[in-house]
PDB file of N, CA and C in Angstrom:
ATOM      1  N   MET A   1      21.275 224.275  -5.877  1.00  0.00           N
ATOM      2  CA  MET A   1      20.860 223.176  -5.037  1.00  0.00           C
ATOM      3  C   MET A   1      20.344 223.772  -3.728  1.00  0.00           C
ATOM      4  N   GLY A   2      19.131 223.424  -3.372  1.00  0.00           N
ATOM      5  CA  GLY A   2      18.497 223.973  -2.184  1.00  0.00           C
ATOM      6  C   GLY A   2      18.803 223.170  -0.941  1.00  0.00           C
ATOM      7  N   SER A   3      18.307 223.674   0.162  1.00  0.00           N
ATOM      8  CA  SER A   3      18.559 223.005   1.438  1.00  0.00           C
ATOM      9  C   SER A   3      17.874 221.641   1.512  1.00  0.00           C
ATOM     10  N   ALA A   4      16.761 221.487   0.816  1.00  0.00           N
ATOM     11  CA  ALA A   4      16.061 220.197   0.834  1.00  0.00           C
ATOM     12  C   ALA A   4      16.906 219.114   0.171  1.00  0.00           C
ATOM     13  N   GLU A   5      17.547 219.449  -0.952  1.00  0.00           N
ATOM     14  CA  GLU A   5      18.383 218.466  -1.639  1.00  0.00           C
ATOM     15  C   GLU A   5      19.633 218.141  -0.827  1.00  0.00           C
ATOM     16  N   ILE A   6      20.215 219.156  -0.217  1.00  0.00           N
ATOM     17  CA  ILE A   6      21.407 218.923   0.609  1.00  0.00           C
ATOM     18  C   ILE A   6      21.059 218.029   1.799  1.00  0.00           C
ATOM     19  N   MET A   7      19.916 218.299   2.414  1.00  0.00           N
ATOM     20  CA  MET A   7      19.495 217.483   3.552  1.00  0.00           C
ATOM     21  C   MET A   7      19.251 216.042   3.124  1.00  0.00           C
ATOM     22  N   ARG A   8      18.638 215.839   1.977  1.00  0.00           N
ATOM     23  CA  ARG A   8      18.399 214.482   1.481  1.00  0.00           C
ATOM     24  C   ARG A   8      19.715 213.761   1.222  1.00  0.00           C
ATOM     25  N   ILE A   9      20.700 214.462   0.658  1.00  0.00           N
ATOM     26  CA  ILE A   9      22.009 213.852   0.397  1.00  0.00           C
ATOM     27  C   ILE A   9      22.666 213.447   1.714  1.00  0.00           C
ATOM     28  N   PHE A  10      22.586 214.323   2.718  1.00  0.00           N
ATOM     29  CA  PHE A  10      23.165 213.996   4.021  1.00  0.00           C
ATOM     30  C   PHE A  10      22.449 212.826   4.680  1.00  0.00           C
ATOM     31  N   VAL A  11      21.148 212.748   4.543  1.00  0.00           N
ATOM     32  CA  VAL A  11      20.403 211.629   5.139  1.00  0.00           C
ATOM     33  C   VAL A  11      20.806 210.308   4.486  1.00  0.00           C
ATOM     34  N   VAL A  12      20.972 210.317   3.169  1.00  0.00           N
ATOM     35  CA  VAL A  12      21.421 209.107   2.475  1.00  0.00           C
ATOM     36  C   VAL A  12      22.836 208.748   2.914  1.00  0.00           C
ATOM     37  N   ALA A  13      23.707 209.748   3.032  1.00  0.00           N
ATOM     38  CA  ALA A  13      25.084 209.493   3.467  1.00  0.00           C
ATOM     39  C   ALA A  13      25.123 208.942   4.888  1.00  0.00           C
ATOM     40  N   ILE A  14      24.314 209.508   5.764  1.00  0.00           N
ATOM     41  CA  ILE A  14      24.248 209.004   7.140  1.00  0.00           C
ATOM     42  C   ILE A  14      23.754 207.559   7.143  1.00  0.00           C
ATOM     43  N   GLY A  15      22.758 207.254   6.335  1.00  0.00           N
ATOM     44  CA  GLY A  15      22.247 205.886   6.246  1.00  0.00           C
ATOM     45  C   GLY A  15      23.299 204.909   5.755  1.00  0.00           C
ATOM     46  N   ILE A  16      24.083 205.314   4.762  1.00  0.00           N
ATOM     47  CA  ILE A  16      25.129 204.438   4.224  1.00  0.00           C
ATOM     48  C   ILE A  16      26.226 204.223   5.251  1.00  0.00           C
ATOM     49  N   VAL A  17      26.672 205.305   5.893  1.00  0.00           N
ATOM     50  CA  VAL A  17      27.722 205.181   6.919  1.00  0.00           C
ATOM     51  C   VAL A  17      27.238 204.322   8.077  1.00  0.00           C
ATOM     52  N   LEU A  18      26.001 204.513   8.479  1.00  0.00           N
ATOM     53  CA  LEU A  18      25.443 203.725   9.576  1.00  0.00           C
ATOM     54  C   LEU A  18      25.324 202.250   9.196  1.00  0.00           C
ATOM     55  N   LEU A  19      24.942 201.969   7.965  1.00  0.00           N
ATOM     56  CA  LEU A  19      24.845 200.589   7.511  1.00  0.00           C
ATOM     57  C   LEU A  19      26.215 199.919   7.495  1.00  0.00           C
ATOM     58  N   ILE A  20      27.223 200.629   7.036  1.00  0.00           N
ATOM     59  CA  ILE A  20      28.584 200.082   7.015  1.00  0.00           C
ATOM     60  C   ILE A  20      29.093 199.868   8.440  1.00  0.00           C
ATOM     61  N   ALA A  21      28.882 200.850   9.317  1.00  0.00           N
ATOM     62  CA  ALA A  21      29.323 200.709  10.711  1.00  0.00           C
ATOM     63  C   ALA A  21      28.604 199.548  11.394  1.00  0.00           C
ATOM     64  N   ASP A  22      27.315 199.397  11.122  1.00  0.00           N
ATOM     65  CA  ASP A  22      26.544 198.302  11.696  1.00  0.00           C
ATOM     66  C   ASP A  22      27.086 196.958  11.222  1.00  0.00           C
ATOM     67  N   PHE A  23      27.359 196.844   9.944  1.00  0.00           N
ATOM     68  CA  PHE A  23      27.877 195.601   9.386  1.00  0.00           C
ATOM     69  C   PHE A  23      29.250 195.279   9.973  1.00  0.00           C
ATOM     70  N   MET A  24      30.103 196.286  10.107  1.00  0.00           N
ATOM     71  CA  MET A  24      31.443 196.060  10.659  1.00  0.00           C
ATOM     72  C   MET A  24      31.364 195.645  12.133  1.00  0.00           C
ATOM     73  N   CYS A  25      30.509 196.285  12.905  1.00  0.00           N
ATOM     74  CA  CYS A  25      30.362 195.924  14.318  1.00  0.00           C
ATOM     75  C   CYS A  25      29.782 194.529  14.470  1.00  0.00           C
ATOM     76  N   TYR A  26      28.851 194.176  13.617  1.00  0.00           N
ATOM     77  CA  TYR A  26      28.265 192.837  13.690  1.00  0.00           C
ATOM     78  C   TYR A  26      29.300 191.775  13.313  1.00  0.00           C
ATOM     79  N   CYS A  27      30.103 192.043  12.285  1.00  0.00           N
ATOM     80  CA  CYS A  27      31.125 191.081  11.870  1.00  0.00           C
ATOM     81  C   CYS A  27      32.203 190.904  12.939  1.00  0.00           C
ATOM     82  N   ARG A  28      32.525 191.955  13.645  1.00  0.00           N
ATOM     83  CA  ARG A  28      33.529 191.876  14.717  1.00  0.00           C
ATOM     84  C   ARG A  28      32.921 191.430  16.035  1.00  0.00           C
ATOM     85  N   GLN A  29      31.666 191.068  16.013  1.00  0.00           N
ATOM     86  CA  GLN A  29      30.904 190.579  17.167  1.00  0.00           C
ATOM     87  C   GLN A  29      30.876 191.592  18.303  1.00  0.00           C
ATOM     88  N   LYS A  30      30.830 192.868  17.966  1.00  0.00           N
ATOM     89  CA  LYS A  30      30.656 193.908  18.970  1.00  0.00           C
ATOM     90  C   LYS A  30      29.185 194.260  19.136  1.00  0.00           C
ATOM     91  N   MET A  31      28.335 193.681  18.263  1.00  0.00           N
ATOM     92  CA  MET A  31      26.910 193.957  18.340  1.00  0.00           C
ATOM     93  C   MET A  31      26.146 192.652  18.138  1.00  0.00           C
ATOM     94  N   ARG A  32      25.105 192.471  18.924  1.00  0.00           N
ATOM     95  CA  ARG A  32      24.293 191.257  18.846  1.00  0.00           C
ATOM     96  C   ARG A  32      23.390 191.311  17.616  1.00  0.00           C
ATOM     97  N   GLU A  33      22.813 190.160  17.299  1.00  0.00           N
ATOM     98  CA  GLU A  33      22.011 190.040  16.085  1.00  0.00           C
ATOM     99  C   GLU A  33      20.802 190.956  16.093  1.00  0.00           C
ATOM    100  N   ASN A  34      20.117 191.017  17.231  1.00  0.00           N
ATOM    101  CA  ASN A  34      18.894 191.818  17.273  1.00  0.00           C
ATOM    102  C   ASN A  34      19.197 193.310  17.109  1.00  0.00           C
ATOM    103  N   PHE A  35      20.263 193.797  17.743  1.00  0.00           N
ATOM    104  CA  PHE A  35      20.634 195.197  17.569  1.00  0.00           C
ATOM    105  C   PHE A  35      21.144 195.447  16.152  1.00  0.00           C
ATOM    106  N   GLY A  36      21.932 194.517  15.637  1.00  0.00           N
ATOM    107  CA  GLY A  36      22.458 194.666  14.283  1.00  0.00           C
ATOM    108  C   GLY A  36      21.348 194.717  13.246  1.00  0.00           C
ATOM    109  N   PHE A  37      20.361 193.866  13.409  1.00  0.00           N
ATOM    110  CA  PHE A  37      19.235 193.867  12.476  1.00  0.00           C
ATOM    111  C   PHE A  37      18.446 195.165  12.568  1.00  0.00           C
ATOM    112  N   ALA A  38      18.204 195.623  13.795  1.00  0.00           N
ATOM    113  CA  ALA A  38      17.438 196.870  13.972  1.00  0.00           C
ATOM    114  C   ALA A  38      18.178 198.060  13.354  1.00  0.00           C
ATOM    115  N   TRP A  39      19.494 198.145  13.572  1.00  0.00           N
ATOM    116  CA  TRP A  39      20.253 199.248  12.989  1.00  0.00           C
ATOM    117  C   TRP A  39      20.331 199.124  11.466  1.00  0.00           C
ATOM    118  N   GLY A  40      20.377 197.900  10.955  1.00  0.00           N
ATOM    119  CA  GLY A  40      20.361 197.710   9.502  1.00  0.00           C
ATOM    120  C   GLY A  40      19.057 198.178   8.881  1.00  0.00           C
ATOM    121  N   VAL A  41      17.949 197.832   9.524  1.00  0.00           N
ATOM    122  CA  VAL A  41      16.645 198.278   9.025  1.00  0.00           C
ATOM    123  C   VAL A  41      16.530 199.800   9.098  1.00  0.00           C
ATOM    124  N   PHE A  42      16.996 200.388  10.208  1.00  0.00           N
ATOM    125  CA  PHE A  42      16.959 201.842  10.349  1.00  0.00           C
ATOM    126  C   PHE A  42      17.809 202.520   9.269  1.00  0.00           C
ATOM    127  N   SER A  43      18.958 201.943   8.969  1.00  0.00           N
ATOM    128  CA  SER A  43      19.831 202.503   7.932  1.00  0.00           C
ATOM    129  C   SER A  43      19.167 202.467   6.561  1.00  0.00           C
ATOM    130  N   VAL A  44      18.543 201.353   6.248  1.00  0.00           N
ATOM    131  CA  VAL A  44      17.855 201.237   4.956  1.00  0.00           C
ATOM    132  C   VAL A  44      16.698 202.228   4.884  1.00  0.00           C
ATOM    133  N   ILE A  45      15.993 202.412   5.991  1.00  0.00           N
ATOM    134  CA  ILE A  45      14.899 203.397   6.012  1.00  0.00           C
ATOM    135  C   ILE A  45      15.443 204.799   5.765  1.00  0.00           C
ATOM    136  N   LEU A  46      16.569 205.134   6.394  1.00  0.00           N
ATOM    137  CA  LEU A  46      17.177 206.449   6.152  1.00  0.00           C
ATOM    138  C   LEU A  46      17.562 206.624   4.690  1.00  0.00           C
ATOM    139  N   ILE A  47      18.152 205.593   4.111  1.00  0.00           N
ATOM    140  CA  ILE A  47      18.552 205.664   2.705  1.00  0.00           C
ATOM    141  C   ILE A  47      17.332 205.859   1.814  1.00  0.00           C
ATOM    142  N   LEU A  48      16.264 205.110   2.096  1.00  0.00           N
ATOM    143  CA  LEU A  48      15.057 205.241   1.281  1.00  0.00           C
ATOM    144  C   LEU A  48      14.393 206.601   1.457  1.00  0.00           C
ATOM    145  N   LEU A  49      14.397 207.122   2.691  1.00  0.00           N
ATOM    146  CA  LEU A  49      13.791 208.437   2.933  1.00  0.00           C
ATOM    147  C   LEU A  49      14.518 209.548   2.180  1.00  0.00           C
ATOM    148  N   GLY A  50      15.799 209.378   1.966  1.00  0.00           N
ATOM    149  CA  GLY A  50      16.546 210.401   1.249  1.00  0.00           C
ATOM    150  C   GLY A  50      16.600 210.182  -0.248  1.00  0.00           C
ATOM    151  N   ALA A  51      16.547 208.936  -0.683  1.00  0.00           N
ATOM    152  CA  ALA A  51      16.773 208.634  -2.098  1.00  0.00           C
ATOM    153  C   ALA A  51      15.489 208.566  -2.925  1.00  0.00           C
ATOM    154  N   VAL A  52      14.418 208.078  -2.353  1.00  0.00           N
ATOM    155  CA  VAL A  52      13.179 207.907  -3.101  1.00  0.00           C
ATOM    156  C   VAL A  52      12.421 209.237  -3.119  1.00  0.00           C
ATOM    157  N   PRO A  53      12.153 209.760  -4.314  1.00  0.00           N
ATOM    158  CA  PRO A  53      11.488 211.072  -4.389  1.00  0.00           C
ATOM    159  C   PRO A  53      10.114 211.113  -3.724  1.00  0.00           C
ATOM    160  N   GLY A  54       9.370 210.051  -3.772  1.00  0.00           N
ATOM    161  CA  GLY A  54       8.047 210.040  -3.168  1.00  0.00           C
ATOM    162  C   GLY A  54       8.077 210.096  -1.657  1.00  0.00           C
ATOM    163  N   LEU A  55       9.173 209.664  -1.069  1.00  0.00           N
ATOM    164  CA  LEU A  55       9.290 209.647   0.393  1.00  0.00           C
ATOM    165  C   LEU A  55      10.049 210.851   0.948  1.00  0.00           C
ATOM    166  N   SER A  56      10.458 211.755   0.081  1.00  0.00           N
ATOM    167  CA  SER A  56      11.306 212.857   0.536  1.00  0.00           C
ATOM    168  C   SER A  56      10.576 214.195   0.642  1.00  0.00           C
ATOM    169  N   ALA A  57       9.277 214.174   0.738  1.00  0.00           N
ATOM    170  CA  ALA A  57       8.529 215.422   0.880  1.00  0.00           C
ATOM    171  C   ALA A  57       8.811 216.102   2.215  1.00  0.00           C
ATOM    172  N   TRP A  58       9.253 215.349   3.195  1.00  0.00           N
ATOM    173  CA  TRP A  58       9.575 215.902   4.503  1.00  0.00           C
ATOM    174  C   TRP A  58      10.701 216.928   4.430  1.00  0.00           C
ATOM    175  N   SER A  59      11.609 216.755   3.455  1.00  0.00           N
ATOM    176  CA  SER A  59      12.784 217.634   3.393  1.00  0.00           C
ATOM    177  C   SER A  59      12.416 219.063   2.980  1.00  0.00           C
ATOM    178  N   ARG A  60      11.282 219.239   2.333  1.00  0.00           N
ATOM    179  CA  ARG A  60      10.869 220.576   1.935  1.00  0.00           C
ATOM    180  C   ARG A  60      10.200 221.340   3.078  1.00  0.00           C
ATOM    181  N   LEU A  61       9.810 220.635   4.134  1.00  0.00           N
ATOM    182  CA  LEU A  61       9.134 221.254   5.261  1.00  0.00           C
ATOM    183  C   LEU A  61      10.097 221.928   6.239  1.00  0.00           C
ATOM    184  N   ILE A  62      11.385 221.580   6.142  1.00  0.00           N
ATOM    185  CA  ILE A  62      12.376 222.123   7.064  1.00  0.00           C
ATOM    186  C   ILE A  62      13.066 223.312   6.406  1.00  0.00           C
ATOM    187  N   SER A  63      13.136 224.418   7.126  1.00  0.00           N
ATOM    188  CA  SER A  63      13.754 225.621   6.571  1.00  0.00           C
ATOM    189  C   SER A  63      15.273 225.458   6.506  1.00  0.00           C
ATOM    190  N   ALA A  64      15.921 226.337   5.757  1.00  0.00           N
ATOM    191  CA  ALA A  64      17.364 226.264   5.566  1.00  0.00           C
ATOM    192  C   ALA A  64      18.122 226.460   6.879  1.00  0.00           C
ATOM    193  N   GLU A  65      17.619 227.351   7.732  1.00  0.00           N
ATOM    194  CA  GLU A  65      18.286 227.606   8.994  1.00  0.00           C
ATOM    195  C   GLU A  65      18.183 226.402   9.937  1.00  0.00           C
ATOM    196  N   LEU A  66      17.045 225.763   9.923  1.00  0.00           N
ATOM    197  CA  LEU A  66      16.812 224.635  10.798  1.00  0.00           C
ATOM    198  C   LEU A  66      17.480 223.361  10.289  1.00  0.00           C
ATOM    199  N   CYS A  67      17.816 223.329   9.028  1.00  0.00           N
ATOM    200  CA  CYS A  67      18.396 222.139   8.403  1.00  0.00           C
ATOM    201  C   CYS A  67      19.692 221.722   9.082  1.00  0.00           C
ATOM    202  N   VAL A  68      20.571 222.673   9.348  1.00  0.00           N
ATOM    203  CA  VAL A  68      21.862 222.363   9.968  1.00  0.00           C
ATOM    204  C   VAL A  68      21.661 221.830  11.382  1.00  0.00           C
ATOM    205  N   VAL A  69      20.769 222.458  12.127  1.00  0.00           N
ATOM    206  CA  VAL A  69      20.510 222.028  13.503  1.00  0.00           C
ATOM    207  C   VAL A  69      19.940 220.613  13.525  1.00  0.00           C
ATOM    208  N   VAL A  70      19.010 220.340  12.628  1.00  0.00           N
ATOM    209  CA  VAL A  70      18.394 219.010  12.574  1.00  0.00           C
ATOM    210  C   VAL A  70      19.433 217.954  12.219  1.00  0.00           C
ATOM    211  N   LEU A  71      20.304 218.246  11.263  1.00  0.00           N
ATOM    212  CA  LEU A  71      21.335 217.282  10.873  1.00  0.00           C
ATOM    213  C   LEU A  71      22.317 217.016  12.007  1.00  0.00           C
ATOM    214  N   ILE A  72      22.800 218.073  12.642  1.00  0.00           N
ATOM    215  CA  ILE A  72      23.768 217.882  13.728  1.00  0.00           C
ATOM    216  C   ILE A  72      23.135 217.153  14.900  1.00  0.00           C
ATOM    217  N   LEU A  73      21.949 217.556  15.285  1.00  0.00           N
ATOM    218  CA  LEU A  73      21.253 216.890  16.384  1.00  0.00           C
ATOM    219  C   LEU A  73      20.952 215.430  16.045  1.00  0.00           C
ATOM    220  N   GLY A  74      20.536 215.179  14.815  1.00  0.00           N
ATOM    221  CA  GLY A  74      20.262 213.807  14.392  1.00  0.00           C
ATOM    222  C   GLY A  74      21.501 212.931  14.418  1.00  0.00           C
ATOM    223  N   ILE A  75      22.614 213.463  13.941  1.00  0.00           N
ATOM    224  CA  ILE A  75      23.863 212.697  13.943  1.00  0.00           C
ATOM    225  C   ILE A  75      24.297 212.387  15.369  1.00  0.00           C
ATOM    226  N   VAL A  76      24.201 213.362  16.254  1.00  0.00           N
ATOM    227  CA  VAL A  76      24.612 213.148  17.649  1.00  0.00           C
ATOM    228  C   VAL A  76      23.722 212.108  18.324  1.00  0.00           C
ATOM    229  N   VAL A  77      22.423 212.208  18.139  1.00  0.00           N
ATOM    230  CA  VAL A  77      21.499 211.248  18.762  1.00  0.00           C
ATOM    231  C   VAL A  77      21.724 209.844  18.204  1.00  0.00           C
ATOM    232  N   ILE A  78      21.899 209.722  16.900  1.00  0.00           N
ATOM    233  CA  ILE A  78      22.134 208.412  16.292  1.00  0.00           C
ATOM    234  C   ILE A  78      23.445 207.827  16.803  1.00  0.00           C
ATOM    235  N   TRP A  79      24.495 208.653  16.891  1.00  0.00           N
ATOM    236  CA  TRP A  79      25.785 208.162  17.369  1.00  0.00           C
ATOM    237  C   TRP A  79      25.678 207.679  18.809  1.00  0.00           C
ATOM    238  N   ILE A  80      24.988 208.438  19.657  1.00  0.00           N
ATOM    239  CA  ILE A  80      24.839 208.042  21.066  1.00  0.00           C
ATOM    240  C   ILE A  80      24.061 206.730  21.169  1.00  0.00           C
ATOM    241  N   LEU A  81      22.968 206.604  20.444  1.00  0.00           N
ATOM    242  CA  LEU A  81      22.173 205.372  20.501  1.00  0.00           C
ATOM    243  C   LEU A  81      22.943 204.173  19.949  1.00  0.00           C
ATOM    244  N   PHE A  82      23.713 204.393  18.891  1.00  0.00           N
ATOM    245  CA  PHE A  82      24.525 203.318  18.321  1.00  0.00           C
ATOM    246  C   PHE A  82      25.582 202.866  19.330  1.00  0.00           C
ATOM    247  N   PHE A  83      26.224 203.826  19.991  1.00  0.00           N
ATOM    248  CA  PHE A  83      27.228 203.497  20.999  1.00  0.00           C
ATOM    249  C   PHE A  83      26.596 202.745  22.173  1.00  0.00           C
ATOM    250  N   ILE A  84      25.433 203.181  22.607  1.00  0.00           N
ATOM    251  CA  ILE A  84      24.745 202.502  23.708  1.00  0.00           C
ATOM    252  C   ILE A  84      24.388 201.069  23.332  1.00  0.00           C
ATOM    253  N   SER A  85      23.937 200.863  22.097  1.00  0.00           N
ATOM    254  CA  SER A  85      23.594 199.499  21.690  1.00  0.00           C
ATOM    255  C   SER A  85      24.836 198.618  21.604  1.00  0.00           C
ATOM    256  N   MET A  86      25.999 199.196  21.250  1.00  0.00           N
ATOM    257  CA  MET A  86      27.237 198.413  21.260  1.00  0.00           C
ATOM    258  C   MET A  86      27.620 198.033  22.690  1.00  0.00           C
ATOM    259  N   VAL A  87      27.483 198.958  23.624  1.00  0.00           N
ATOM    260  CA  VAL A  87      27.822 198.680  25.020  1.00  0.00           C
ATOM    261  C   VAL A  87      26.873 197.631  25.601  1.00  0.00           C
ATOM    262  N   VAL A  88      25.595 197.766  25.322  1.00  0.00           N
ATOM    263  CA  VAL A  88      24.621 196.789  25.823  1.00  0.00           C
ATOM    264  C   VAL A  88      24.891 195.411  25.229  1.00  0.00           C
ATOM    265  N   SER A  89      25.268 195.357  23.961  1.00  0.00           N
ATOM    266  CA  SER A  89      25.602 194.075  23.342  1.00  0.00           C
ATOM    267  C   SER A  89      26.796 193.431  24.026  1.00  0.00           C
ATOM    268  N   GLY A  90      27.808 194.236  24.337  1.00  0.00           N
ATOM    269  CA  GLY A  90      28.969 193.710  25.042  1.00  0.00           C
ATOM    270  C   GLY A  90      28.612 193.203  26.430  1.00  0.00           C
ATOM    271  N   LEU A  91      27.758 193.940  27.127  1.00  0.00           N
ATOM    272  CA  LEU A  91      27.336 193.516  28.457  1.00  0.00           C
ATOM    273  C   LEU A  91      26.504 192.236  28.395  1.00  0.00           C
ATOM    274  N   MET A  92      25.692 192.097  27.370  1.00  0.00           N
ATOM    275  CA  MET A  92      24.899 190.877  27.222  1.00  0.00           C
ATOM    276  C   MET A  92      25.809 189.672  26.980  1.00  0.00           C
ATOM    277  N   ALA A  93      26.850 189.856  26.181  1.00  0.00           N
ATOM    278  CA  ALA A  93      27.791 188.767  25.924  1.00  0.00           C
ATOM    279  C   ALA A  93      28.548 188.392  27.196  1.00  0.00           C
ATOM    280  N   LYS A  94      28.973 189.390  27.973  1.00  0.00           N
ATOM    281  CA  LYS A  94      29.665 189.110  29.228  1.00  0.00           C
ATOM    282  C   LYS A  94      28.741 188.430  30.229  1.00  0.00           C
ATOM    283  N   ASN A  95      27.483 188.823  30.254  1.00  0.00           N
ATOM    284  CA  ASN A  95      26.514 188.201  31.147  1.00  0.00           C
ATOM    285  C   ASN A  95      26.304 186.734  30.789  1.00  0.00           C
ATOM    286  N   GLN A  96      26.238 186.444  29.507  1.00  0.00           N
ATOM    287  CA  GLN A  96      26.072 185.057  29.069  1.00  0.00           C
ATOM    288  C   GLN A  96      27.301 184.227  29.437  1.00  0.00           C
ATOM    289  N   GLU A  97      28.482 184.788  29.276  1.00  0.00           N
ATOM    290  CA  GLU A  97      29.706 184.083  29.645  1.00  0.00           C
ATOM    291  C   GLU A  97      29.748 183.840  31.156  1.00  0.00           C
ATOM    292  N   LEU A  98      29.352 184.819  31.926  1.00  0.00           N
ATOM    293  CA  LEU A  98      29.321 184.671  33.380  1.00  0.00           C
ATOM    294  C   LEU A  98      28.336 183.585  33.797  1.00  0.00           C
ATOM    295  N   ALA A  99      27.188 183.517  33.156  1.00  0.00           N
ATOM    296  CA  ALA A  99      26.208 182.477  33.477  1.00  0.00           C
ATOM    297  C   ALA A  99      26.767 181.085  33.174  1.00  0.00           C
ATOM    298  N   MET A 100      27.507 180.954  32.083  1.00  0.00           N
ATOM    299  CA  MET A 100      28.113 179.658  31.765  1.00  0.00           C
ATOM    300  C   MET A 100      29.169 179.286  32.805  1.00  0.00           C
ATOM    301  N   GLN A 101      29.954 180.251  33.265  1.00  0.00           N
ATOM    302  CA  GLN A 101      30.966 179.968  34.279  1.00  0.00           C
ATOM    303  C   GLN A 101      30.333 179.571  35.600  1.00  0.00           C
ATOM    304  N   VAL A 102      29.257 180.226  35.982  1.00  0.00           N
ATOM    305  CA  VAL A 102      28.548 179.860  37.217  1.00  0.00           C
ATOM    306  C   VAL A 102      27.994 178.445  37.104  1.00  0.00           C
ATOM    307  N   SER A 103      27.485 178.099  35.952  1.00  0.00           N
ATOM    308  CA  SER A 103      26.962 176.749  35.751  1.00  0.00           C
ATOM    309  C   SER A 103      28.074 175.707  35.873  1.00  0.00           C
ATOM    310  N   LEU A 104      29.235 176.003  35.303  1.00  0.00           N
ATOM    311  CA  LEU A 104      30.364 175.075  35.426  1.00  0.00           C
ATOM    312  C   LEU A 104      30.834 174.951  36.870  1.00  0.00           C
ATOM    313  N   ILE A 105      30.846 176.046  37.601  1.00  0.00           N
ATOM    314  CA  ILE A 105      31.247 176.009  39.011  1.00  0.00           C
ATOM    315  C   ILE A 105      30.248 175.202  39.822  1.00  0.00           C
ATOM    316  N   ASN A 106      28.956 175.342  39.545  1.00  0.00           N
ATOM    317  CA  ASN A 106      27.940 174.557  40.251  1.00  0.00           C
ATOM    318  C   ASN A 106      28.111 173.070  39.985  1.00  0.00           C
ATOM    319  N   CYS A 107      28.407 172.704  38.744  1.00  0.00           N
ATOM    320  CA  CYS A 107      28.639 171.286  38.423  1.00  0.00           C
ATOM    321  C   CYS A 107      29.865 170.763  39.162  1.00  0.00           C
ATOM    322  N   GLU A 108      30.928 171.545  39.203  1.00  0.00           N
ATOM    323  CA  GLU A 108      32.133 171.143  39.924  1.00  0.00           C
ATOM    324  C   GLU A 108      31.861 171.001  41.418  1.00  0.00           C
ATOM    325  N   LEU A 109      31.074 171.915  41.972  1.00  0.00           N
ATOM    326  CA  LEU A 109      30.715 171.838  43.385  1.00  0.00           C
ATOM    327  C   LEU A 109      29.938 170.561  43.677  1.00  0.00           C
ATOM    328  N   GLN A 110      29.005 170.213  42.807  1.00  0.00           N
ATOM    329  CA  GLN A 110      28.230 168.980  43.019  1.00  0.00           C
ATOM    330  C   GLN A 110      29.133 167.757  43.001  1.00  0.00           C
ATOM    331  N   ARG A 111      30.116 167.740  42.092  1.00  0.00           N
ATOM    332  CA  ARG A 111      31.055 166.609  42.049  1.00  0.00           C
ATOM    333  C   ARG A 111      31.906 166.550  43.315  1.00  0.00           C
ATOM    334  N   VAL A 112      32.372 167.695  43.795  1.00  0.00           N
ATOM    335  CA  VAL A 112      33.195 167.729  45.002  1.00  0.00           C
ATOM    336  C   VAL A 112      32.376 167.268  46.204  1.00  0.00           C
ATOM    337  N   LEU A 113      31.129 167.754  46.308  1.00  0.00           N
ATOM    338  CA  LEU A 113      30.272 167.331  47.423  1.00  0.00           C
ATOM    339  C   LEU A 113      29.990 165.837  47.375  1.00  0.00           C
ATOM    340  N   ALA A 114      29.772 165.299  46.191  1.00  0.00           N
ATOM    341  CA  ALA A 114      29.523 163.861  46.064  1.00  0.00           C
ATOM    342  C   ALA A 114      30.764 163.065  46.460  1.00  0.00           C
ATOM    343  N   LYS A 115      31.930 163.550  46.070  1.00  0.00           N
ATOM    344  CA  LYS A 115      33.174 162.863  46.414  1.00  0.00           C
ATOM    345  C   LYS A 115      33.419 162.913  47.924  1.00  0.00           C
ATOM    346  N   MET A 116      33.142 164.060  48.547  1.00  0.00           N
ATOM    347  CA  MET A 116      33.317 164.175  50.002  1.00  0.00           C
ATOM    348  C   MET A 116      32.340 163.275  50.742  1.00  0.00           C
ATOM    349  N   GLU A 117      31.109 163.181  50.234  1.00  0.00           N
ATOM    350  CA  GLU A 117      30.131 162.306  50.869  1.00  0.00           C
ATOM    351  C   GLU A 117      30.568 160.851  50.745  1.00  0.00           C
ATOM    352  N   GLU A 118      31.151 160.515  49.614  1.00  0.00           N
ATOM    353  CA  GLU A 118      31.635 159.146  49.403  1.00  0.00           C
ATOM    354  C   GLU A 118      32.799 158.840  50.349  1.00  0.00           C
ATOM    355  N   MET A 119      33.664 159.822  50.559  1.00  0.00           N
ATOM    356  CA  MET A 119      34.836 159.604  51.418  1.00  0.00           C
ATOM    357  C   MET A 119      34.462 159.580  52.898  1.00  0.00           C
ATOM    358  N   THR A 120      33.574 160.464  53.328  1.00  0.00           N
ATOM    359  CA  THR A 120      33.236 160.554  54.756  1.00  0.00           C
ATOM    360  C   THR A 120      32.033 159.705  55.132  1.00  0.00           C
ATOM    361  N   GLY A 121      31.203 159.409  54.196  1.00  0.00           N
ATOM    362  CA  GLY A 121      30.008 158.644  54.487  1.00  0.00           C
ATOM    363  C   GLY A 121      28.887 159.490  55.037  1.00  0.00           C
ATOM    364  N   GLU A 122      29.093 160.788  55.167  1.00  0.00           N
ATOM    365  CA  GLU A 122      28.081 161.701  55.679  1.00  0.00           C
ATOM    366  C   GLU A 122      27.681 162.698  54.600  1.00  0.00           C
ATOM    367  N   ASP A 123      26.465 163.134  54.720  1.00  0.00           N
ATOM    368  CA  ASP A 123      26.011 164.175  53.793  1.00  0.00           C
ATOM    369  C   ASP A 123      26.507 165.514  54.306  1.00  0.00           C
ATOM    370  N   ILE A 124      27.380 166.164  53.560  1.00  0.00           N
ATOM    371  CA  ILE A 124      28.005 167.419  53.972  1.00  0.00           C
ATOM    372  C   ILE A 124      26.949 168.508  54.152  1.00  0.00           C
ATOM    373  N   MET A 125      25.952 168.519  53.360  1.00  0.00           N
ATOM    374  CA  MET A 125      24.939 169.570  53.402  1.00  0.00           C
ATOM    375  C   MET A 125      24.021 169.429  54.634  1.00  0.00           C
ATOM    376  N   GLU A 126      23.983 168.248  55.249  1.00  0.00           N
ATOM    377  CA  GLU A 126      23.117 168.026  56.407  1.00  0.00           C
ATOM    378  C   GLU A 126      23.763 168.495  57.707  1.00  0.00           C
ATOM    379  N   ILE A 127      25.079 168.670  57.733  1.00  0.00           N
ATOM    380  CA  ILE A 127      25.774 169.063  58.954  1.00  0.00           C
ATOM    381  C   ILE A 127      25.480 170.531  59.231  1.00  0.00           C
ATOM    382  N   LYS A 128      25.103 170.825  60.499  1.00  0.00           N
ATOM    383  CA  LYS A 128      24.763 172.185  60.866  1.00  0.00           C
ATOM    384  C   LYS A 128      25.700 172.709  61.908  1.00  0.00           C
TER     385      LYS A 128
END
């Protein structure tokens, strides 16, 4: 078994692991739909690039010595990008929750101001 076949097997394995991790993160709501879909498509592309013989001509272009470096570097870059997309998804969810809380506080403020105006007979916002 040559380095091209080993690299193809690793690419398929990385695609499968990434697809499973993406699905698990999406189900646990740690990743938003758009990021989850993008990582799912990327995972399927990786699987196809390694599994389909017509799409795997790239694996013969990489030498045996470079194969290990490419795999390790690829895994590290994919892991970092996946982690960043999980963090960004979490921040987007927190931002949406914060916006809803601000909206509720604004509604409560309007009710309090209306009640104070009713009690005092003056517009609170007009007093300088």
